Amino acid sequence: MKLIVAYIKPERLTAVKQALYEKEIFKMSVTNALGCGQQKGYHEAYRGVDFEVNLLKKIRIEIAVNSEFVDQTIDAIISGARTGNIGDGKIFIIPLEECIRIRTGEKGNDAIG
């Protein structure tokens, strides 16, 4: 079992969800996030005052999958999120020690579904 965490541009969320649905991956958590990487933010002027915005809006997607679904999940995220520009995002793959479905008490691979 793995936990896949991806940070993507907000405008790419619909494309990523479509790519995941096409691979029959429907379970995910989506959260708004702030962050920056190589793009280092931008400058903006408001009422004549110049200020630096170095935390950009991102979307964090978390998907718990069984080991046999890891590659297709990653491929779907990449195909939906990639624009070829700096700031497309990152994907992290974390070992998942245990998963428990609260409703039924199922554990492990059965709980992820």
PDB file of N, CA and C in Angstrom:
ATOM      1  N   MET A   1       0.849  -1.182   0.000  1.00  0.00           N
ATOM      2  CA  MET A   1       0.000   0.000   0.000  1.00  0.00           C
ATOM      3  C   MET A   1       0.885   1.232   0.000  1.00  0.00           C
ATOM      4  N   LYS A   2       0.454   2.247  -0.743  1.00  0.00           N
ATOM      5  CA  LYS A   2       1.204   3.496  -0.846  1.00  0.00           C
ATOM      6  C   LYS A   2       0.254   4.671  -0.712  1.00  0.00           C
ATOM      7  N   LEU A   3       0.783   5.772  -0.186  1.00  0.00           N
ATOM      8  CA  LEU A   3       0.072   7.037  -0.170  1.00  0.00           C
ATOM      9  C   LEU A   3       0.757   7.931  -1.186  1.00  0.00           C
ATOM     10  N   ILE A   4       0.021   8.357  -2.190  1.00  0.00           N
ATOM     11  CA  ILE A   4       0.558   9.231  -3.223  1.00  0.00           C
ATOM     12  C   ILE A   4       0.066  10.640  -2.928  1.00  0.00           C
ATOM     13  N   VAL A   5       1.015  11.559  -2.776  1.00  0.00           N
ATOM     14  CA  VAL A   5       0.712  12.960  -2.506  1.00  0.00           C
ATOM     15  C   VAL A   5       1.239  13.761  -3.687  1.00  0.00           C
ATOM     16  N   ALA A   6       0.359  14.538  -4.325  1.00  0.00           N
ATOM     17  CA  ALA A   6       0.751  15.344  -5.471  1.00  0.00           C
ATOM     18  C   ALA A   6       0.383  16.799  -5.226  1.00  0.00           C
ATOM     19  N   TYR A   7       1.281  17.695  -5.603  1.00  0.00           N
ATOM     20  CA  TYR A   7       1.015  19.126  -5.590  1.00  0.00           C
ATOM     21  C   TYR A   7       0.957  19.582  -7.043  1.00  0.00           C
ATOM     22  N   ILE A   8      -0.161  20.180  -7.440  1.00  0.00           N
ATOM     23  CA  ILE A   8      -0.360  20.589  -8.827  1.00  0.00           C
ATOM     24  C   ILE A   8      -0.890  22.018  -8.881  1.00  0.00           C
ATOM     25  N   LYS A   9      -0.911  22.582 -10.092  1.00  0.00           N
ATOM     26  CA  LYS A   9      -1.514  23.899 -10.301  1.00  0.00           C
ATOM     27  C   LYS A   9      -3.029  23.769 -10.189  1.00  0.00           C
ATOM     28  N   PRO A  10      -3.689  24.751  -9.577  1.00  0.00           N
ATOM     29  CA  PRO A  10      -5.158  24.671  -9.412  1.00  0.00           C
ATOM     30  C   PRO A  10      -5.906  24.500 -10.729  1.00  0.00           C
ATOM     31  N   GLU A  11      -5.432  25.149 -11.783  1.00  0.00           N
ATOM     32  CA  GLU A  11      -6.142  25.071 -13.062  1.00  0.00           C
ATOM     33  C   GLU A  11      -6.012  23.707 -13.739  1.00  0.00           C
ATOM     34  N   ARG A  12      -5.157  22.829 -13.230  1.00  0.00           N
ATOM     35  CA  ARG A  12      -4.971  21.496 -13.802  1.00  0.00           C
ATOM     36  C   ARG A  12      -5.771  20.421 -13.053  1.00  0.00           C
ATOM     37  N   LEU A  13      -6.498  20.803 -12.011  1.00  0.00           N
ATOM     38  CA  LEU A  13      -7.230  19.822 -11.198  1.00  0.00           C
ATOM     39  C   LEU A  13      -8.247  19.034 -12.017  1.00  0.00           C
ATOM     40  N   THR A  14      -9.026  19.705 -12.842  1.00  0.00           N
ATOM     41  CA  THR A  14     -10.039  19.010 -13.632  1.00  0.00           C
ATOM     42  C   THR A  14      -9.396  17.984 -14.568  1.00  0.00           C
ATOM     43  N   ALA A  15      -8.299  18.356 -15.203  1.00  0.00           N
ATOM     44  CA  ALA A  15      -7.606  17.435 -16.120  1.00  0.00           C
ATOM     45  C   ALA A  15      -7.047  16.232 -15.368  1.00  0.00           C
ATOM     46  N   VAL A  16      -6.512  16.463 -14.171  1.00  0.00           N
ATOM     47  CA  VAL A  16      -5.969  15.361 -13.367  1.00  0.00           C
ATOM     48  C   VAL A  16      -7.096  14.426 -12.929  1.00  0.00           C
ATOM     49  N   LYS A  17      -8.208  14.985 -12.477  1.00  0.00           N
ATOM     50  CA  LYS A  17      -9.338  14.144 -12.075  1.00  0.00           C
ATOM     51  C   LYS A  17      -9.849  13.313 -13.245  1.00  0.00           C
ATOM     52  N   GLN A  18      -9.953  13.911 -14.432  1.00  0.00           N
ATOM     53  CA  GLN A  18     -10.396  13.170 -15.613  1.00  0.00           C
ATOM     54  C   GLN A  18      -9.449  12.027 -15.933  1.00  0.00           C
ATOM     55  N   ALA A  19      -8.136  12.297 -15.867  1.00  0.00           N
ATOM     56  CA  ALA A  19      -7.144  11.248 -16.147  1.00  0.00           C
ATOM     57  C   ALA A  19      -7.233  10.126 -15.119  1.00  0.00           C
ATOM     58  N   LEU A  20      -7.459  10.471 -13.859  1.00  0.00           N
ATOM     59  CA  LEU A  20      -7.611   9.450 -12.817  1.00  0.00           C
ATOM     60  C   LEU A  20      -8.887   8.631 -13.037  1.00  0.00           C
ATOM     61  N   TYR A  21      -9.988   9.300 -13.384  1.00  0.00           N
ATOM     62  CA  TYR A  21     -11.246   8.589 -13.626  1.00  0.00           C
ATOM     63  C   TYR A  21     -11.110   7.617 -14.793  1.00  0.00           C
ATOM     64  N   GLU A  22     -10.372   8.012 -15.835  1.00  0.00           N
ATOM     65  CA  GLU A  22     -10.164   7.128 -16.979  1.00  0.00           C
ATOM     66  C   GLU A  22      -9.396   5.867 -16.586  1.00  0.00           C
ATOM     67  N   LYS A  23      -8.549   5.961 -15.550  1.00  0.00           N
ATOM     68  CA  LYS A  23      -7.802   4.796 -15.052  1.00  0.00           C
ATOM     69  C   LYS A  23      -8.570   4.083 -13.942  1.00  0.00           C
ATOM     70  N   GLU A  24      -9.840   4.492 -13.719  1.00  0.00           N
ATOM     71  CA  GLU A  24     -10.724   3.925 -12.707  1.00  0.00           C
ATOM     72  C   GLU A  24     -10.194   4.111 -11.288  1.00  0.00           C
ATOM     73  N   ILE A  25      -9.643   5.303 -11.046  1.00  0.00           N
ATOM     74  CA  ILE A  25      -9.198   5.701  -9.706  1.00  0.00           C
ATOM     75  C   ILE A  25     -10.116   6.842  -9.282  1.00  0.00           C
ATOM     76  N   PHE A  26     -10.996   6.565  -8.318  1.00  0.00           N
ATOM     77  CA  PHE A  26     -12.034   7.509  -7.955  1.00  0.00           C
ATOM     78  C   PHE A  26     -11.865   8.097  -6.554  1.00  0.00           C
ATOM     79  N   LYS A  27     -11.077   7.452  -5.702  1.00  0.00           N
ATOM     80  CA  LYS A  27     -10.973   7.878  -4.305  1.00  0.00           C
ATOM     81  C   LYS A  27      -9.760   8.768  -4.123  1.00  0.00           C
ATOM     82  N   MET A  28      -9.996   9.988  -3.642  1.00  0.00           N
ATOM     83  CA  MET A  28      -8.903  10.928  -3.429  1.00  0.00           C
ATOM     84  C   MET A  28      -9.353  12.003  -2.450  1.00  0.00           C
ATOM     85  N   SER A  29      -8.388  12.665  -1.850  1.00  0.00           N
ATOM     86  CA  SER A  29      -8.639  13.843  -1.028  1.00  0.00           C
ATOM     87  C   SER A  29      -7.954  15.019  -1.702  1.00  0.00           C
ATOM     88  N   VAL A  30      -8.647  16.150  -1.762  1.00  0.00           N
ATOM     89  CA  VAL A  30      -8.110  17.341  -2.414  1.00  0.00           C
ATOM     90  C   VAL A  30      -8.150  18.493  -1.425  1.00  0.00           C
ATOM     91  N   THR A  31      -7.018  19.197  -1.307  1.00  0.00           N
ATOM     92  CA  THR A  31      -6.883  20.294  -0.361  1.00  0.00           C
ATOM     93  C   THR A  31      -6.202  21.478  -1.037  1.00  0.00           C
ATOM     94  N   ASN A  32      -6.608  22.687  -0.689  1.00  0.00           N
ATOM     95  CA  ASN A  32      -5.893  23.874  -1.143  1.00  0.00           C
ATOM     96  C   ASN A  32      -4.602  24.000  -0.355  1.00  0.00           C
ATOM     97  N   ALA A  33      -3.538  24.416  -1.033  1.00  0.00           N
ATOM     98  CA  ALA A  33      -2.243  24.570  -0.377  1.00  0.00           C
ATOM     99  C   ALA A  33      -1.543  25.803  -0.938  1.00  0.00           C
ATOM    100  N   LEU A  34      -0.528  26.264  -0.223  1.00  0.00           N
ATOM    101  CA  LEU A  34       0.325  27.352  -0.680  1.00  0.00           C
ATOM    102  C   LEU A  34       1.757  26.851  -0.718  1.00  0.00           C
ATOM    103  N   GLY A  35       2.514  27.270  -1.720  1.00  0.00           N
ATOM    104  CA  GLY A  35       3.906  26.850  -1.785  1.00  0.00           C
ATOM    105  C   GLY A  35       4.616  27.485  -2.959  1.00  0.00           C
ATOM    106  N   CYS A  36       5.904  27.252  -3.022  1.00  0.00           N
ATOM    107  CA  CYS A  36       6.680  27.732  -4.162  1.00  0.00           C
ATOM    108  C   CYS A  36       7.881  26.834  -4.343  1.00  0.00           C
ATOM    109  N   GLY A  37       8.390  26.851  -5.539  1.00  0.00           N
ATOM    110  CA  GLY A  37       9.568  26.064  -5.877  1.00  0.00           C
ATOM    111  C   GLY A  37      10.496  26.917  -6.702  1.00  0.00           C
ATOM    112  N   GLN A  38      10.850  26.433  -7.881  1.00  0.00           N
ATOM    113  CA  GLN A  38      11.771  27.160  -8.744  1.00  0.00           C
ATOM    114  C   GLN A  38      11.220  28.496  -9.221  1.00  0.00           C
ATOM    115  N   GLN A  39       9.894  28.619  -9.330  1.00  0.00           N
ATOM    116  CA  GLN A  39       9.349  29.862  -9.848  1.00  0.00           C
ATOM    117  C   GLN A  39       9.485  31.025  -8.870  1.00  0.00           C
ATOM    118  N   LYS A  40       9.665  30.751  -7.593  1.00  0.00           N
ATOM    119  CA  LYS A  40      10.006  31.734  -6.562  1.00  0.00           C
ATOM    120  C   LYS A  40       8.998  32.875  -6.402  1.00  0.00           C
ATOM    121  N   GLY A  41       7.803  32.717  -6.863  1.00  0.00           N
ATOM    122  CA  GLY A  41       6.787  33.745  -6.670  1.00  0.00           C
ATOM    123  C   GLY A  41       6.831  34.829  -7.727  1.00  0.00           C
ATOM    124  N   TYR A  42       6.183  35.967  -7.424  1.00  0.00           N
ATOM    125  CA  TYR A  42       6.107  37.072  -8.377  1.00  0.00           C
ATOM    126  C   TYR A  42       5.901  38.370  -7.606  1.00  0.00           C
ATOM    127  N   HIS A  43       6.057  39.507  -8.297  1.00  0.00           N
ATOM    128  CA  HIS A  43       5.836  40.827  -7.695  1.00  0.00           C
ATOM    129  C   HIS A  43       4.486  41.352  -8.147  1.00  0.00           C
ATOM    130  N   GLU A  44       3.831  42.050  -7.240  1.00  0.00           N
ATOM    131  CA  GLU A  44       2.518  42.603  -7.529  1.00  0.00           C
ATOM    132  C   GLU A  44       2.430  43.983  -6.913  1.00  0.00           C
ATOM    133  N   ALA A  45       1.689  44.876  -7.543  1.00  0.00           N
ATOM    134  CA  ALA A  45       1.493  46.221  -7.002  1.00  0.00           C
ATOM    135  C   ALA A  45       0.032  46.366  -6.592  1.00  0.00           C
ATOM    136  N   TYR A  46      -0.179  46.883  -5.389  1.00  0.00           N
ATOM    137  CA  TYR A  46      -1.527  47.132  -4.892  1.00  0.00           C
ATOM    138  C   TYR A  46      -1.561  48.535  -4.310  1.00  0.00           C
ATOM    139  N   ARG A  47      -2.368  49.405  -4.896  1.00  0.00           N
ATOM    140  CA  ARG A  47      -2.479  50.803  -4.478  1.00  0.00           C
ATOM    141  C   ARG A  47      -1.111  51.483  -4.410  1.00  0.00           C
ATOM    142  N   GLY A  48      -0.324  51.215  -5.416  1.00  0.00           N
ATOM    143  CA  GLY A  48       0.969  51.867  -5.517  1.00  0.00           C
ATOM    144  C   GLY A  48       2.081  51.249  -4.692  1.00  0.00           C
ATOM    145  N   VAL A  49       1.774  50.200  -3.930  1.00  0.00           N
ATOM    146  CA  VAL A  49       2.791  49.554  -3.099  1.00  0.00           C
ATOM    147  C   VAL A  49       3.185  48.234  -3.770  1.00  0.00           C
ATOM    148  N   ASP A  50       4.491  48.075  -3.988  1.00  0.00           N
ATOM    149  CA  ASP A  50       5.003  46.859  -4.610  1.00  0.00           C
ATOM    150  C   ASP A  50       5.308  45.833  -3.516  1.00  0.00           C
ATOM    151  N   PHE A  51       4.816  44.616  -3.684  1.00  0.00           N
ATOM    152  CA  PHE A  51       5.140  43.572  -2.715  1.00  0.00           C
ATOM    153  C   PHE A  51       5.351  42.247  -3.443  1.00  0.00           C
ATOM    154  N   GLU A  52       6.088  41.367  -2.773  1.00  0.00           N
ATOM    155  CA  GLU A  52       6.435  40.077  -3.345  1.00  0.00           C
ATOM    156  C   GLU A  52       5.478  39.007  -2.844  1.00  0.00           C
ATOM    157  N   VAL A  53       4.948  38.237  -3.770  1.00  0.00           N
ATOM    158  CA  VAL A  53       4.104  37.091  -3.431  1.00  0.00           C
ATOM    159  C   VAL A  53       4.949  35.853  -3.698  1.00  0.00           C
ATOM    160  N   ASN A  54       5.423  35.197  -2.628  1.00  0.00           N
ATOM    161  CA  ASN A  54       6.297  34.043  -2.836  1.00  0.00           C
ATOM    162  C   ASN A  54       5.633  32.717  -2.479  1.00  0.00           C
ATOM    163  N   LEU A  55       4.397  32.743  -2.032  1.00  0.00           N
ATOM    164  CA  LEU A  55       3.643  31.509  -1.815  1.00  0.00           C
ATOM    165  C   LEU A  55       2.498  31.488  -2.821  1.00  0.00           C
ATOM    166  N   LEU A  56       2.578  30.552  -3.742  1.00  0.00           N
ATOM    167  CA  LEU A  56       1.596  30.457  -4.812  1.00  0.00           C
ATOM    168  C   LEU A  56       0.534  29.424  -4.480  1.00  0.00           C
ATOM    169  N   LYS A  57      -0.654  29.604  -5.047  1.00  0.00           N
ATOM    170  CA  LYS A  57      -1.745  28.663  -4.822  1.00  0.00           C
ATOM    171  C   LYS A  57      -1.433  27.347  -5.512  1.00  0.00           C
ATOM    172  N   LYS A  58      -1.605  26.258  -4.783  1.00  0.00           N
ATOM    173  CA  LYS A  58      -1.417  24.907  -5.291  1.00  0.00           C
ATOM    174  C   LYS A  58      -2.575  24.049  -4.805  1.00  0.00           C
ATOM    175  N   ILE A  59      -2.710  22.897  -5.398  1.00  0.00           N
ATOM    176  CA  ILE A  59      -3.689  21.899  -4.955  1.00  0.00           C
ATOM    177  C   ILE A  59      -2.914  20.671  -4.499  1.00  0.00           C
ATOM    178  N   ARG A  60      -3.278  20.145  -3.326  1.00  0.00           N
ATOM    179  CA  ARG A  60      -2.663  18.919  -2.806  1.00  0.00           C
ATOM    180  C   ARG A  60      -3.678  17.791  -2.982  1.00  0.00           C
ATOM    181  N   ILE A  61      -3.241  16.738  -3.659  1.00  0.00           N
ATOM    182  CA  ILE A  61      -4.085  15.563  -3.870  1.00  0.00           C
ATOM    183  C   ILE A  61      -3.447  14.397  -3.135  1.00  0.00           C
ATOM    184  N   GLU A  62      -4.237  13.697  -2.331  1.00  0.00           N
ATOM    185  CA  GLU A  62      -3.763  12.510  -1.624  1.00  0.00           C
ATOM    186  C   GLU A  62      -4.593  11.321  -2.075  1.00  0.00           C
ATOM    187  N   ILE A  63      -3.887  10.260  -2.474  1.00  0.00           N
ATOM    188  CA  ILE A  63      -4.558   9.049  -2.942  1.00  0.00           C
ATOM    189  C   ILE A  63      -3.868   7.843  -2.315  1.00  0.00           C
ATOM    190  N   ALA A  64      -4.621   7.045  -1.567  1.00  0.00           N
ATOM    191  CA  ALA A  64      -4.095   5.794  -1.012  1.00  0.00           C
ATOM    192  C   ALA A  64      -4.451   4.683  -1.995  1.00  0.00           C
ATOM    193  N   VAL A  65      -3.432   3.935  -2.429  1.00  0.00           N
ATOM    194  CA  VAL A  65      -3.663   2.878  -3.416  1.00  0.00           C
ATOM    195  C   VAL A  65      -2.943   1.603  -3.010  1.00  0.00           C
ATOM    196  N   ASN A  66      -3.458   0.484  -3.506  1.00  0.00           N
ATOM    197  CA  ASN A  66      -2.742  -0.777  -3.383  1.00  0.00           C
ATOM    198  C   ASN A  66      -1.553  -0.743  -4.336  1.00  0.00           C
ATOM    199  N   SER A  67      -0.551  -1.528  -4.059  1.00  0.00           N
ATOM    200  CA  SER A  67       0.713  -1.479  -4.800  1.00  0.00           C
ATOM    201  C   SER A  67       0.541  -1.642  -6.312  1.00  0.00           C
ATOM    202  N   GLU A  68      -0.417  -2.432  -6.755  1.00  0.00           N
ATOM    203  CA  GLU A  68      -0.575  -2.652  -8.193  1.00  0.00           C
ATOM    204  C   GLU A  68      -1.155  -1.445  -8.936  1.00  0.00           C
ATOM    205  N   PHE A  69      -1.651  -0.439  -8.204  1.00  0.00           N
ATOM    206  CA  PHE A  69      -2.230   0.752  -8.827  1.00  0.00           C
ATOM    207  C   PHE A  69      -1.293   1.960  -8.797  1.00  0.00           C
ATOM    208  N   VAL A  70      -0.106   1.821  -8.232  1.00  0.00           N
ATOM    209  CA  VAL A  70       0.805   2.965  -8.068  1.00  0.00           C
ATOM    210  C   VAL A  70       1.200   3.558  -9.416  1.00  0.00           C
ATOM    211  N   ASP A  71       1.684   2.749 -10.323  1.00  0.00           N
ATOM    212  CA  ASP A  71       2.185   3.265 -11.602  1.00  0.00           C
ATOM    213  C   ASP A  71       1.089   3.947 -12.416  1.00  0.00           C
ATOM    214  N   GLN A  72      -0.087   3.340 -12.495  1.00  0.00           N
ATOM    215  CA  GLN A  72      -1.139   3.963 -13.292  1.00  0.00           C
ATOM    216  C   GLN A  72      -1.667   5.237 -12.640  1.00  0.00           C
ATOM    217  N   THR A  73      -1.634   5.317 -11.320  1.00  0.00           N
ATOM    218  CA  THR A  73      -2.031   6.545 -10.637  1.00  0.00           C
ATOM    219  C   THR A  73      -1.040   7.666 -10.948  1.00  0.00           C
ATOM    220  N   ILE A  74       0.239   7.366 -10.875  1.00  0.00           N
ATOM    221  CA  ILE A  74       1.274   8.360 -11.171  1.00  0.00           C
ATOM    222  C   ILE A  74       1.178   8.812 -12.626  1.00  0.00           C
ATOM    223  N   ASP A  75       0.999   7.869 -13.543  1.00  0.00           N
ATOM    224  CA  ASP A  75       0.876   8.210 -14.961  1.00  0.00           C
ATOM    225  C   ASP A  75      -0.313   9.134 -15.209  1.00  0.00           C
ATOM    226  N   ALA A  76      -1.429   8.875 -14.537  1.00  0.00           N
ATOM    227  CA  ALA A  76      -2.622   9.711 -14.700  1.00  0.00           C
ATOM    228  C   ALA A  76      -2.381  11.122 -14.173  1.00  0.00           C
ATOM    229  N   ILE A  77      -1.747  11.241 -13.027  1.00  0.00           N
ATOM    230  CA  ILE A  77      -1.463  12.565 -12.467  1.00  0.00           C
ATOM    231  C   ILE A  77      -0.541  13.341 -13.395  1.00  0.00           C
ATOM    232  N   ILE A  78       0.499  12.694 -13.874  1.00  0.00           N
ATOM    233  CA  ILE A  78       1.444  13.367 -14.770  1.00  0.00           C
ATOM    234  C   ILE A  78       0.756  13.804 -16.060  1.00  0.00           C
ATOM    235  N   SER A  79      -0.037  12.926 -16.653  1.00  0.00           N
ATOM    236  CA  SER A  79      -0.681  13.277 -17.921  1.00  0.00           C
ATOM    237  C   SER A  79      -1.668  14.430 -17.761  1.00  0.00           C
ATOM    238  N   GLY A  80      -2.325  14.514 -16.606  1.00  0.00           N
ATOM    239  CA  GLY A  80      -3.272  15.597 -16.385  1.00  0.00           C
ATOM    240  C   GLY A  80      -2.632  16.901 -15.948  1.00  0.00           C
ATOM    241  N   ALA A  81      -1.504  16.835 -15.251  1.00  0.00           N
ATOM    242  CA  ALA A  81      -0.907  18.033 -14.650  1.00  0.00           C
ATOM    243  C   ALA A  81       0.191  18.671 -15.499  1.00  0.00           C
ATOM    244  N   ARG A  82       0.807  17.911 -16.376  1.00  0.00           N
ATOM    245  CA  ARG A  82       1.987  18.417 -17.097  1.00  0.00           C
ATOM    246  C   ARG A  82       1.622  19.467 -18.138  1.00  0.00           C
ATOM    247  N   THR A  83       2.296  20.630 -18.028  1.00  0.00           N
ATOM    248  CA  THR A  83       2.193  21.669 -19.054  1.00  0.00           C
ATOM    249  C   THR A  83       3.553  21.901 -19.707  1.00  0.00           C
ATOM    250  N   GLY A  84       4.617  21.413 -19.062  1.00  0.00           N
ATOM    251  CA  GLY A  84       5.960  21.624 -19.564  1.00  0.00           C
ATOM    252  C   GLY A  84       6.624  22.868 -19.024  1.00  0.00           C
ATOM    253  N   ASN A  85       5.932  23.567 -18.132  1.00  0.00           N
ATOM    254  CA  ASN A  85       6.468  24.794 -17.546  1.00  0.00           C
ATOM    255  C   ASN A  85       6.876  24.581 -16.097  1.00  0.00           C
ATOM    256  N   ILE A  86       7.729  25.471 -15.608  1.00  0.00           N
ATOM    257  CA  ILE A  86       8.102  25.429 -14.196  1.00  0.00           C
ATOM    258  C   ILE A  86       6.839  25.601 -13.361  1.00  0.00           C
ATOM    259  N   GLY A  87       6.726  24.832 -12.289  1.00  0.00           N
ATOM    260  CA  GLY A  87       5.571  24.936 -11.402  1.00  0.00           C
ATOM    261  C   GLY A  87       4.496  23.897 -11.654  1.00  0.00           C
ATOM    262  N   ASP A  88       4.767  22.932 -12.540  1.00  0.00           N
ATOM    263  CA  ASP A  88       3.774  21.884 -12.797  1.00  0.00           C
ATOM    264  C   ASP A  88       3.482  21.058 -11.555  1.00  0.00           C
ATOM    265  N   GLY A  89       4.439  20.939 -10.640  1.00  0.00           N
ATOM    266  CA  GLY A  89       4.174  20.254  -9.385  1.00  0.00           C
ATOM    267  C   GLY A  89       5.132  19.126  -9.090  1.00  0.00           C
ATOM    268  N   LYS A  90       4.802  18.395  -8.033  1.00  0.00           N
ATOM    269  CA  LYS A  90       5.612  17.272  -7.564  1.00  0.00           C
ATOM    270  C   LYS A  90       4.683  16.149  -7.120  1.00  0.00           C
ATOM    271  N   ILE A  91       5.221  14.928  -7.168  1.00  0.00           N
ATOM    272  CA  ILE A  91       4.511  13.752  -6.669  1.00  0.00           C
ATOM    273  C   ILE A  91       5.415  13.057  -5.660  1.00  0.00           C
ATOM    274  N   PHE A  92       4.863  12.731  -4.502  1.00  0.00           N
ATOM    275  CA  PHE A  92       5.592  12.011  -3.462  1.00  0.00           C
ATOM    276  C   PHE A  92       4.892  10.676  -3.224  1.00  0.00           C
ATOM    277  N   ILE A  93       5.675   9.611  -3.089  1.00  0.00           N
ATOM    278  CA  ILE A  93       5.132   8.276  -2.839  1.00  0.00           C
ATOM    279  C   ILE A  93       5.626   7.831  -1.475  1.00  0.00           C
ATOM    280  N   ILE A  94       4.685   7.580  -0.586  1.00  0.00           N
ATOM    281  CA  ILE A  94       4.999   7.278   0.802  1.00  0.00           C
ATOM    282  C   ILE A  94       4.473   5.884   1.139  1.00  0.00           C
ATOM    283  N   PRO A  95       5.300   5.025   1.751  1.00  0.00           N
ATOM    284  CA  PRO A  95       4.790   3.714   2.180  1.00  0.00           C
ATOM    285  C   PRO A  95       3.649   3.907   3.191  1.00  0.00           C
ATOM    286  N   LEU A  96       2.617   3.121   3.032  1.00  0.00           N
ATOM    287  CA  LEU A  96       1.455   3.206   3.909  1.00  0.00           C
ATOM    288  C   LEU A  96       1.425   1.953   4.767  1.00  0.00           C
ATOM    289  N   GLU A  97       1.645   2.133   6.044  1.00  0.00           N
ATOM    290  CA  GLU A  97       1.759   0.992   6.952  1.00  0.00           C
ATOM    291  C   GLU A  97       0.441   0.257   7.137  1.00  0.00           C
ATOM    292  N   GLU A  98      -0.637   1.006   7.307  1.00  0.00           N
ATOM    293  CA  GLU A  98      -1.925   0.360   7.574  1.00  0.00           C
ATOM    294  C   GLU A  98      -3.051   1.268   7.115  1.00  0.00           C
ATOM    295  N   CYS A  99      -4.166   0.669   6.748  1.00  0.00           N
ATOM    296  CA  CYS A  99      -5.379   1.395   6.391  1.00  0.00           C
ATOM    297  C   CYS A  99      -6.547   0.650   7.026  1.00  0.00           C
ATOM    298  N   ILE A 100      -7.434   1.400   7.650  1.00  0.00           N
ATOM    299  CA  ILE A 100      -8.593   0.793   8.310  1.00  0.00           C
ATOM    300  C   ILE A 100      -9.844   1.538   7.860  1.00  0.00           C
ATOM    301  N   ARG A 101     -10.814   0.809   7.348  1.00  0.00           N
ATOM    302  CA  ARG A 101     -12.095   1.408   6.977  1.00  0.00           C
ATOM    303  C   ARG A 101     -12.942   1.478   8.238  1.00  0.00           C
ATOM    304  N   ILE A 102     -13.318   2.661   8.626  1.00  0.00           N
ATOM    305  CA  ILE A 102     -14.029   2.872   9.891  1.00  0.00           C
ATOM    306  C   ILE A 102     -15.386   2.169   9.891  1.00  0.00           C
ATOM    307  N   ARG A 103     -16.130   2.265   8.801  1.00  0.00           N
ATOM    308  CA  ARG A 103     -17.484   1.708   8.749  1.00  0.00           C
ATOM    309  C   ARG A 103     -17.513   0.214   8.999  1.00  0.00           C
ATOM    310  N   THR A 104     -16.589  -0.543   8.384  1.00  0.00           N
ATOM    311  CA  THR A 104     -16.645  -2.000   8.459  1.00  0.00           C
ATOM    312  C   THR A 104     -15.554  -2.624   9.316  1.00  0.00           C
ATOM    313  N   GLY A 105     -14.507  -1.853   9.606  1.00  0.00           N
ATOM    314  CA  GLY A 105     -13.383  -2.392  10.353  1.00  0.00           C
ATOM    315  C   GLY A 105     -12.393  -3.153   9.489  1.00  0.00           C
ATOM    316  N   GLU A 106     -12.610  -3.179   8.163  1.00  0.00           N
ATOM    317  CA  GLU A 106     -11.665  -3.853   7.265  1.00  0.00           C
ATOM    318  C   GLU A 106     -10.295  -3.203   7.377  1.00  0.00           C
ATOM    319  N   LYS A 107      -9.270  -4.008   7.155  1.00  0.00           N
ATOM    320  CA  LYS A 107      -7.905  -3.513   7.254  1.00  0.00           C
ATOM    321  C   LYS A 107      -7.118  -3.854   5.996  1.00  0.00           C
ATOM    322  N   GLY A 108      -6.038  -3.125   5.779  1.00  0.00           N
ATOM    323  CA  GLY A 108      -5.111  -3.409   4.687  1.00  0.00           C
ATOM    324  C   GLY A 108      -5.677  -3.119   3.310  1.00  0.00           C
ATOM    325  N   ASN A 109      -5.312  -3.975   2.349  1.00  0.00           N
ATOM    326  CA  ASN A 109      -5.700  -3.780   0.953  1.00  0.00           C
ATOM    327  C   ASN A 109      -7.211  -3.719   0.769  1.00  0.00           C
ATOM    328  N   ASP A 110      -7.956  -4.493   1.543  1.00  0.00           N
ATOM    329  CA  ASP A 110      -9.409  -4.490   1.429  1.00  0.00           C
ATOM    330  C   ASP A 110     -10.009  -3.147   1.833  1.00  0.00           C
ATOM    331  N   ALA A 111      -9.397  -2.475   2.776  1.00  0.00           N
ATOM    332  CA  ALA A 111      -9.913  -1.192   3.250  1.00  0.00           C
ATOM    333  C   ALA A 111      -9.713  -0.080   2.234  1.00  0.00           C
ATOM    334  N   ILE A 112      -8.642  -0.163   1.447  1.00  0.00           N
ATOM    335  CA  ILE A 112      -8.392   0.881   0.444  1.00  0.00           C
ATOM    336  C   ILE A 112      -9.407   0.765  -0.681  1.00  0.00           C
ATOM    337  N   GLY A 113      -9.705  -0.445  -1.104  1.00  0.00           N
ATOM    338  CA  GLY A 113     -10.723  -0.654  -2.128  1.00  0.00           C
ATOM    339  C   GLY A 113     -10.205  -0.688  -3.523  1.00  0.00           C
TER     340      GLY A 113
END
